[in-house]
Amino acid sequence: MATSINSWTGWRIAGWALAAILLALPAIAMQFTSEVNWGPGDFVVMGAMLLALGVALEIVFVKLDSGRVRLIAGASLLVLFLLVWAELAVGIFR
């Protein structure tokens, strides 16, 4: 193993906190505007997507040795996440 999972504690906390904040933003926005209209299913899907991204990033940072490889793998996961999000939000690939 390249890195102990405990050595990234600060970054791990920040990453998971960011995921929680991203999931909470639509709920907060729904209190102030009718433009955001998420149902329970939307929150479940986004939560599952954020969980999958977070776990995948944790695996990348623990298992891969090189900083360059970590950066490429992490960026690839982020791009994949954003593409799936865009498709689910507005059907960008139709």
C-alpha atoms as a PDB file:
ATOM      1  CA  MET A   1       0.000   0.000   0.000  1.00  0.00           C
ATOM      2  CA  ALA A   2       1.239   3.442  -0.878  1.00  0.00           C
ATOM      3  CA  THR A   3      -0.248   5.538   1.896  1.00  0.00           C
ATOM      4  CA  SER A   4      -1.812   4.847   5.239  1.00  0.00           C
ATOM      5  CA  ILE A   5      -5.436   5.900   5.314  1.00  0.00           C
ATOM      6  CA  ASN A   6      -4.832   7.745   8.614  1.00  0.00           C
ATOM      7  CA  SER A   7      -2.261  10.077   7.040  1.00  0.00           C
ATOM      8  CA  TRP A   8      -4.993  11.834   5.036  1.00  0.00           C
ATOM      9  CA  THR A   9      -7.298  12.512   7.967  1.00  0.00           C
ATOM     10  CA  GLY A  10      -7.563  16.291   7.432  1.00  0.00           C
ATOM     11  CA  TRP A  11      -8.116  15.972   3.696  1.00  0.00           C
ATOM     12  CA  ARG A  12     -10.560  13.100   4.195  1.00  0.00           C
ATOM     13  CA  ILE A  13     -12.653  15.131   6.630  1.00  0.00           C
ATOM     14  CA  ALA A  14     -12.634  18.112   4.258  1.00  0.00           C
ATOM     15  CA  GLY A  15     -13.630  15.931   1.297  1.00  0.00           C
ATOM     16  CA  TRP A  16     -16.521  14.238   3.061  1.00  0.00           C
ATOM     17  CA  ALA A  17     -17.662  17.577   4.501  1.00  0.00           C
ATOM     18  CA  LEU A  18     -17.664  19.032   0.986  1.00  0.00           C
ATOM     19  CA  ALA A  19     -19.796  16.111  -0.212  1.00  0.00           C
ATOM     20  CA  ALA A  20     -22.284  16.713   2.620  1.00  0.00           C
ATOM     21  CA  ILE A  21     -22.413  20.429   1.817  1.00  0.00           C
ATOM     22  CA  LEU A  22     -22.996  19.708  -1.881  1.00  0.00           C
ATOM     23  CA  LEU A  23     -25.871  17.411  -0.957  1.00  0.00           C
ATOM     24  CA  ALA A  24     -27.354  20.023   1.410  1.00  0.00           C
ATOM     25  CA  LEU A  25     -27.192  22.942  -1.059  1.00  0.00           C
ATOM     26  CA  PRO A  26     -30.328  21.988  -3.041  1.00  0.00           C
ATOM     27  CA  ALA A  27     -32.287  21.528   0.203  1.00  0.00           C
ATOM     28  CA  ILE A  28     -31.213  24.983   1.346  1.00  0.00           C
ATOM     29  CA  ALA A  29     -31.932  26.522  -2.066  1.00  0.00           C
ATOM     30  CA  MET A  30     -35.427  25.007  -2.085  1.00  0.00           C
ATOM     31  CA  GLN A  31     -36.230  27.112   0.994  1.00  0.00           C
ATOM     32  CA  PHE A  32     -35.577  30.351  -0.906  1.00  0.00           C
ATOM     33  CA  THR A  33     -36.635  29.728  -4.508  1.00  0.00           C
ATOM     34  CA  SER A  34     -39.024  27.631  -6.528  1.00  0.00           C
ATOM     35  CA  GLU A  35     -36.370  27.222  -9.245  1.00  0.00           C
ATOM     36  CA  VAL A  36     -34.875  24.266  -7.344  1.00  0.00           C
ATOM     37  CA  ASN A  37     -37.356  21.411  -7.053  1.00  0.00           C
ATOM     38  CA  TRP A  38     -35.728  18.182  -5.861  1.00  0.00           C
ATOM     39  CA  GLY A  39     -37.689  15.205  -4.651  1.00  0.00           C
ATOM     40  CA  PRO A  40     -36.515  12.490  -2.271  1.00  0.00           C
ATOM     41  CA  GLY A  41     -35.316  10.374  -5.193  1.00  0.00           C
ATOM     42  CA  ASP A  42     -33.069  13.169  -6.398  1.00  0.00           C
ATOM     43  CA  PHE A  43     -31.375  13.358  -3.007  1.00  0.00           C
ATOM     44  CA  VAL A  44     -30.937   9.579  -2.894  1.00  0.00           C
ATOM     45  CA  VAL A  45     -29.350   9.480  -6.358  1.00  0.00           C
ATOM     46  CA  MET A  46     -27.054  12.426  -5.645  1.00  0.00           C
ATOM     47  CA  GLY A  47     -26.118  10.956  -2.282  1.00  0.00           C
ATOM     48  CA  ALA A  48     -25.270   7.640  -3.938  1.00  0.00           C
ATOM     49  CA  MET A  49     -23.219   9.409  -6.602  1.00  0.00           C
ATOM     50  CA  LEU A  50     -21.292  11.437  -3.995  1.00  0.00           C
ATOM     51  CA  LEU A  51     -20.726   8.322  -1.904  1.00  0.00           C
ATOM     52  CA  ALA A  52     -19.417   6.404  -4.926  1.00  0.00           C
ATOM     53  CA  LEU A  53     -17.118   9.290  -5.880  1.00  0.00           C
ATOM     54  CA  GLY A  54     -15.829   9.637  -2.331  1.00  0.00           C
ATOM     55  CA  VAL A  55     -15.110   5.936  -1.939  1.00  0.00           C
ATOM     56  CA  ALA A  56     -13.437   5.791  -5.355  1.00  0.00           C
ATOM     57  CA  LEU A  57     -11.239   8.786  -4.481  1.00  0.00           C
ATOM     58  CA  GLU A  58     -10.313   7.214  -1.145  1.00  0.00           C
ATOM     59  CA  ILE A  59      -9.255   4.041  -2.964  1.00  0.00           C
ATOM     60  CA  VAL A  60      -7.234   6.050  -5.484  1.00  0.00           C
ATOM     61  CA  PHE A  61      -5.351   7.956  -2.794  1.00  0.00           C
ATOM     62  CA  VAL A  62      -4.639   4.865  -0.708  1.00  0.00           C
ATOM     63  CA  LYS A  63      -3.700   2.396  -3.442  1.00  0.00           C
ATOM     64  CA  LEU A  64      -1.769   4.476  -5.969  1.00  0.00           C
ATOM     65  CA  ASP A  65       1.867   5.435  -5.407  1.00  0.00           C
ATOM     66  CA  SER A  66       2.647   8.242  -7.827  1.00  0.00           C
ATOM     67  CA  GLY A  67       1.309  11.762  -7.345  1.00  0.00           C
ATOM     68  CA  ARG A  68       0.867  12.132 -11.093  1.00  0.00           C
ATOM     69  CA  VAL A  69      -1.132   8.899 -11.338  1.00  0.00           C
ATOM     70  CA  ARG A  70      -3.263   9.958  -8.369  1.00  0.00           C
ATOM     71  CA  LEU A  71      -3.960  13.302 -10.033  1.00  0.00           C
ATOM     72  CA  ILE A  72      -4.932  11.716 -13.346  1.00  0.00           C
ATOM     73  CA  ALA A  73      -7.116   9.063 -11.705  1.00  0.00           C
ATOM     74  CA  GLY A  74      -8.776  11.607  -9.392  1.00  0.00           C
ATOM     75  CA  ALA A  75      -9.415  14.040 -12.242  1.00  0.00           C
ATOM     76  CA  SER A  76     -10.826  11.222 -14.370  1.00  0.00           C
ATOM     77  CA  LEU A  77     -13.210  10.213 -11.592  1.00  0.00           C
ATOM     78  CA  LEU A  78     -14.301  13.824 -11.151  1.00  0.00           C
ATOM     79  CA  VAL A  79     -14.924  14.260 -14.890  1.00  0.00           C
ATOM     80  CA  LEU A  80     -16.928  11.016 -14.978  1.00  0.00           C
ATOM     81  CA  PHE A  81     -18.967  12.218 -11.986  1.00  0.00           C
ATOM     82  CA  LEU A  82     -19.682  15.573 -13.667  1.00  0.00           C
ATOM     83  CA  LEU A  83     -20.673  13.908 -16.951  1.00  0.00           C
ATOM     84  CA  VAL A  84     -23.146  11.589 -15.204  1.00  0.00           C
ATOM     85  CA  TRP A  85     -24.487  14.527 -13.189  1.00  0.00           C
ATOM     86  CA  ALA A  86     -24.976  16.628 -16.345  1.00  0.00           C
ATOM     87  CA  GLU A  87     -26.718  13.759 -18.119  1.00  0.00           C
ATOM     88  CA  LEU A  88     -29.086  13.150 -15.214  1.00  0.00           C
ATOM     89  CA  ALA A  89     -29.764  16.875 -14.732  1.00  0.00           C
ATOM     90  CA  VAL A  90     -30.489  17.989 -18.282  1.00  0.00           C
ATOM     91  CA  GLY A  91     -29.902  15.052 -20.644  1.00  0.00           C
ATOM     92  CA  ILE A  92     -26.906  16.696 -22.263  1.00  0.00           C
ATOM     93  CA  PHE A  93     -26.081  13.655 -24.421  1.00  0.00           C
ATOM     94  CA  ARG A  94     -29.486  13.219 -26.016  1.00  0.00           C
END
